[in-house]
Amino acid sequence: MGESPPDADGGGLAHPDDVVGQVYAGSYRRLVVQLYAVTGDLGEAQETVQEAFVRALLAPHRFAELDNPEAWLRRVAVNVARSRHRRRAVLARLLPRLAAPVDTERLIADSSAEHVALMRALRQLPAGQRHAIALHYLADLPVAEVADALGVTEGTVKSRLSRGRTALAGLLVDTSTSYTRSSHA
């Protein structure tokens, strides 16, 4: 395991809580964007990243010794998102729908037609493909880091990327075709 980075004035090692703060300052926004691509929900992305940082704060000495704390945070956040998704799926099967679905399209900061179409298409992919595509293409992680974050082999990631790209191509072509047809009607 690596050592804690030097403290801000260059002398000695940083206190473990300071390391968490430094990583938070340098990684929080990037992690939220990456998890937003995975979850498709900005609020969920923020909550899962916050939960990852809370877990880092519960063991700051161990966190300070990590070689790549951002990768650890990403993996924890992805795992939290997966657990929440599973719990919601179970609840959805057990509880009747009480309210109309929320129109998340209006909540997205980038509401361009292309972005909305991409997010809609991503939500239609199986979770494994969606997570792999989001982390590899939108978070710009190499295949090895995606595999580590998802807890699968590199071959599985490559397979999910290939199948996901094929599925997305079909979904996005359908979207652009239907948009073109409706705009010329």
Protein backbone atom coordinates (compact mmCIF):
# COMPACT_ATOMS: atom_id res chain seq x y z
CA MET A 1 0.00 0.00 0.00
CA GLY A 2 1.17 3.58 -0.63
CA GLU A 3 1.93 6.26 1.88
CA SER A 4 -0.23 9.27 2.64
CA PRO A 5 0.56 12.29 0.49
CA PRO A 6 2.53 15.11 2.07
CA ASP A 7 0.49 17.73 3.81
CA ALA A 8 -0.26 21.07 2.16
CA ASP A 9 2.86 22.87 3.44
CA GLY A 10 5.12 20.07 2.17
CA GLY A 11 6.28 18.84 5.56
CA GLY A 12 5.43 15.42 6.95
CA LEU A 13 2.51 13.26 6.03
CA ALA A 14 -1.05 14.51 5.74
CA HIS A 15 -3.54 13.52 8.41
CA PRO A 16 -5.87 10.76 7.10
CA ASP A 17 -8.93 13.03 7.38
CA ASP A 18 -7.05 15.62 5.30
CA VAL A 19 -6.39 12.97 2.64
CA VAL A 20 -10.13 12.29 2.39
CA GLY A 21 -10.74 16.03 2.05
CA GLN A 22 -8.08 16.39 -0.63
CA VAL A 23 -9.47 13.48 -2.63
CA TYR A 24 -12.98 14.90 -2.21
CA ALA A 25 -11.86 18.28 -3.56
CA GLY A 26 -10.13 16.70 -6.52
CA SER A 27 -12.51 13.86 -7.40
CA TYR A 28 -16.07 14.53 -6.24
CA ARG A 29 -17.36 16.21 -9.40
CA ARG A 30 -15.66 13.71 -11.71
CA LEU A 31 -17.09 10.78 -9.73
CA VAL A 32 -20.60 12.28 -9.79
CA VAL A 33 -20.43 12.65 -13.58
CA GLN A 34 -19.24 9.06 -13.91
CA LEU A 35 -21.97 7.72 -11.63
CA TYR A 36 -24.57 9.86 -13.36
CA ALA A 37 -23.67 8.05 -16.55
CA VAL A 38 -24.04 4.72 -14.73
CA THR A 39 -27.32 5.49 -12.93
CA GLY A 40 -28.96 7.96 -15.30
CA ASP A 41 -30.08 10.00 -12.28
CA LEU A 42 -28.13 12.99 -11.00
CA GLY A 43 -29.51 12.80 -7.46
CA GLU A 44 -28.74 9.10 -7.25
CA ALA A 45 -25.23 9.73 -8.56
CA GLN A 46 -24.61 12.41 -5.93
CA GLU A 47 -25.93 10.21 -3.14
CA THR A 48 -23.86 7.17 -4.12
CA VAL A 49 -20.66 9.22 -4.33
CA GLN A 50 -21.45 10.83 -0.97
CA GLU A 51 -21.99 7.38 0.52
CA ALA A 52 -18.60 6.29 -0.82
CA PHE A 53 -16.93 9.27 0.88
CA VAL A 54 -18.79 8.52 4.12
CA ARG A 55 -17.34 5.02 4.03
CA ALA A 56 -13.88 6.49 3.44
CA LEU A 57 -14.36 8.69 6.51
CA LEU A 58 -15.27 5.65 8.60
CA ALA A 59 -11.75 4.26 8.05
CA PRO A 60 -9.58 7.27 7.14
CA HIS A 61 -6.28 5.55 7.96
CA ARG A 62 -7.00 2.67 5.58
CA PHE A 63 -8.27 5.10 2.94
CA ALA A 64 -5.08 7.17 3.22
CA GLU A 65 -3.01 4.05 2.50
CA LEU A 66 -4.80 3.18 -0.76
CA ASP A 67 -2.72 3.38 -3.93
CA ASN A 68 -5.68 4.71 -5.95
CA PRO A 69 -8.36 6.17 -3.65
CA GLU A 70 -10.46 7.50 -6.54
CA ALA A 71 -10.76 4.02 -8.05
CA TRP A 72 -11.77 2.67 -4.63
CA LEU A 73 -14.42 5.40 -4.28
CA ARG A 74 -15.72 4.68 -7.78
CA ARG A 75 -16.04 0.98 -7.03
CA VAL A 76 -17.83 1.65 -3.73
CA ALA A 77 -20.19 4.12 -5.42
CA VAL A 78 -20.98 1.68 -8.25
CA ASN A 79 -21.63 -1.07 -5.69
CA VAL A 80 -23.92 1.25 -3.69
CA ALA A 81 -25.80 2.14 -6.88
CA ARG A 82 -26.19 -1.55 -7.78
CA SER A 83 -27.47 -2.40 -4.29
CA ARG A 84 -29.97 0.44 -4.39
CA HIS A 85 -31.13 -0.64 -7.84
CA ARG A 86 -31.69 -4.22 -6.62
CA ARG A 87 -33.62 -2.98 -3.58
CA ARG A 88 -35.80 -0.76 -5.74
CA ALA A 89 -36.49 -3.65 -8.11
CA VAL A 90 -37.64 -5.81 -5.21
CA LEU A 91 -39.84 -3.01 -3.86
CA ALA A 92 -41.30 -2.38 -7.31
CA ARG A 93 -42.40 -6.01 -7.47
CA LEU A 94 -43.85 -5.94 -3.96
CA LEU A 95 -45.51 -2.55 -3.77
CA PRO A 96 -48.12 -1.14 -6.12
CA ARG A 97 -47.25 2.07 -7.91
CA LEU A 98 -48.58 4.96 -5.84
CA ALA A 99 -47.53 7.92 -7.96
CA ALA A 100 -46.94 8.78 -11.59
CA PRO A 101 -43.33 8.38 -12.76
CA VAL A 102 -41.08 11.41 -12.44
CA ASP A 103 -40.14 13.08 -15.71
CA THR A 104 -36.36 12.90 -15.32
CA GLU A 105 -35.84 14.48 -18.75
CA ARG A 106 -36.70 17.88 -17.21
CA LEU A 107 -34.22 17.36 -14.37
CA ILE A 108 -31.20 16.78 -16.61
CA ALA A 109 -28.85 19.75 -16.86
CA ASP A 110 -27.96 19.07 -20.53
CA SER A 111 -31.37 18.78 -22.15
CA SER A 112 -30.20 18.79 -25.78
CA ALA A 113 -32.07 16.31 -27.94
CA GLU A 114 -28.94 14.20 -28.44
CA HIS A 115 -28.20 13.98 -24.71
CA VAL A 116 -31.77 13.11 -23.84
CA ALA A 117 -31.82 10.44 -26.57
CA LEU A 118 -28.53 8.96 -25.33
CA MET A 119 -29.71 8.83 -21.70
CA ARG A 120 -33.03 7.28 -22.78
CA ALA A 121 -31.18 4.67 -24.86
CA LEU A 122 -28.72 3.92 -22.02
CA ARG A 123 -31.63 3.28 -19.64
CA GLN A 124 -32.95 0.64 -22.04
CA LEU A 125 -29.72 -1.39 -21.91
CA PRO A 126 -29.22 -4.20 -19.42
CA ALA A 127 -27.48 -2.91 -16.28
CA GLY A 128 -24.15 -4.64 -17.02
CA GLN A 129 -23.91 -3.14 -20.50
CA ARG A 130 -25.02 0.29 -19.28
CA HIS A 131 -22.45 0.32 -16.47
CA ALA A 132 -19.62 -0.80 -18.75
CA ILE A 133 -20.46 1.77 -21.44
CA ALA A 134 -20.88 4.59 -18.93
CA LEU A 135 -17.58 3.90 -17.19
CA HIS A 136 -15.56 3.22 -20.34
CA TYR A 137 -16.89 5.84 -22.75
CA LEU A 138 -18.40 8.53 -20.56
CA ALA A 139 -16.00 8.29 -17.60
CA ASP A 140 -13.11 7.48 -19.97
CA LEU A 141 -11.79 4.57 -17.90
CA PRO A 142 -9.65 1.85 -19.44
CA VAL A 143 -11.16 -1.63 -19.69
CA ALA A 144 -9.04 -2.89 -16.77
CA GLU A 145 -10.38 -0.18 -14.42
CA VAL A 146 -13.96 -0.79 -15.56
CA ALA A 147 -13.47 -4.50 -14.81
CA ASP A 148 -12.11 -3.65 -11.38
CA ALA A 149 -14.93 -1.20 -10.62
CA LEU A 150 -17.60 -3.70 -11.66
CA GLY A 151 -15.91 -6.74 -10.13
CA VAL A 152 -15.82 -8.69 -13.41
CA THR A 153 -13.12 -9.86 -15.83
CA GLU A 154 -11.78 -7.71 -18.66
CA GLY A 155 -13.27 -10.18 -21.14
CA THR A 156 -16.71 -9.64 -19.61
CA VAL A 157 -16.29 -5.87 -19.90
CA LYS A 158 -15.25 -6.19 -23.57
CA SER A 159 -18.25 -8.40 -24.27
CA ARG A 160 -20.62 -5.98 -22.54
CA LEU A 161 -19.10 -3.04 -24.43
CA SER A 162 -19.52 -4.81 -27.76
CA ARG A 163 -23.10 -5.86 -27.09
CA GLY A 164 -23.95 -2.48 -25.59
CA ARG A 165 -22.56 -0.58 -28.59
CA THR A 166 -24.60 -2.76 -30.93
CA ALA A 167 -27.76 -2.25 -28.90
CA LEU A 168 -27.16 1.51 -28.55
CA ALA A 169 -26.58 1.85 -32.29
CA GLY A 170 -29.96 0.28 -32.93
CA LEU A 171 -31.71 2.35 -30.28
CA LEU A 172 -30.15 5.62 -31.42
CA VAL A 173 -30.87 4.90 -35.10
CA ASP A 174 -34.49 4.20 -34.17
CA THR A 175 -34.62 7.49 -32.26
CA SER A 176 -33.14 9.55 -35.08
CA THR A 177 -35.34 7.80 -37.66
CA SER A 178 -38.51 8.42 -35.66
CA TYR A 179 -37.44 12.02 -35.02
CA THR A 180 -36.81 12.56 -38.74
CA ARG A 181 -40.16 11.02 -39.67
CA SER A 182 -42.09 13.09 -37.13
CA SER A 183 -40.33 16.34 -38.07
CA HIS A 184 -41.18 15.89 -41.76
CA ALA A 185 -44.79 14.91 -41.15
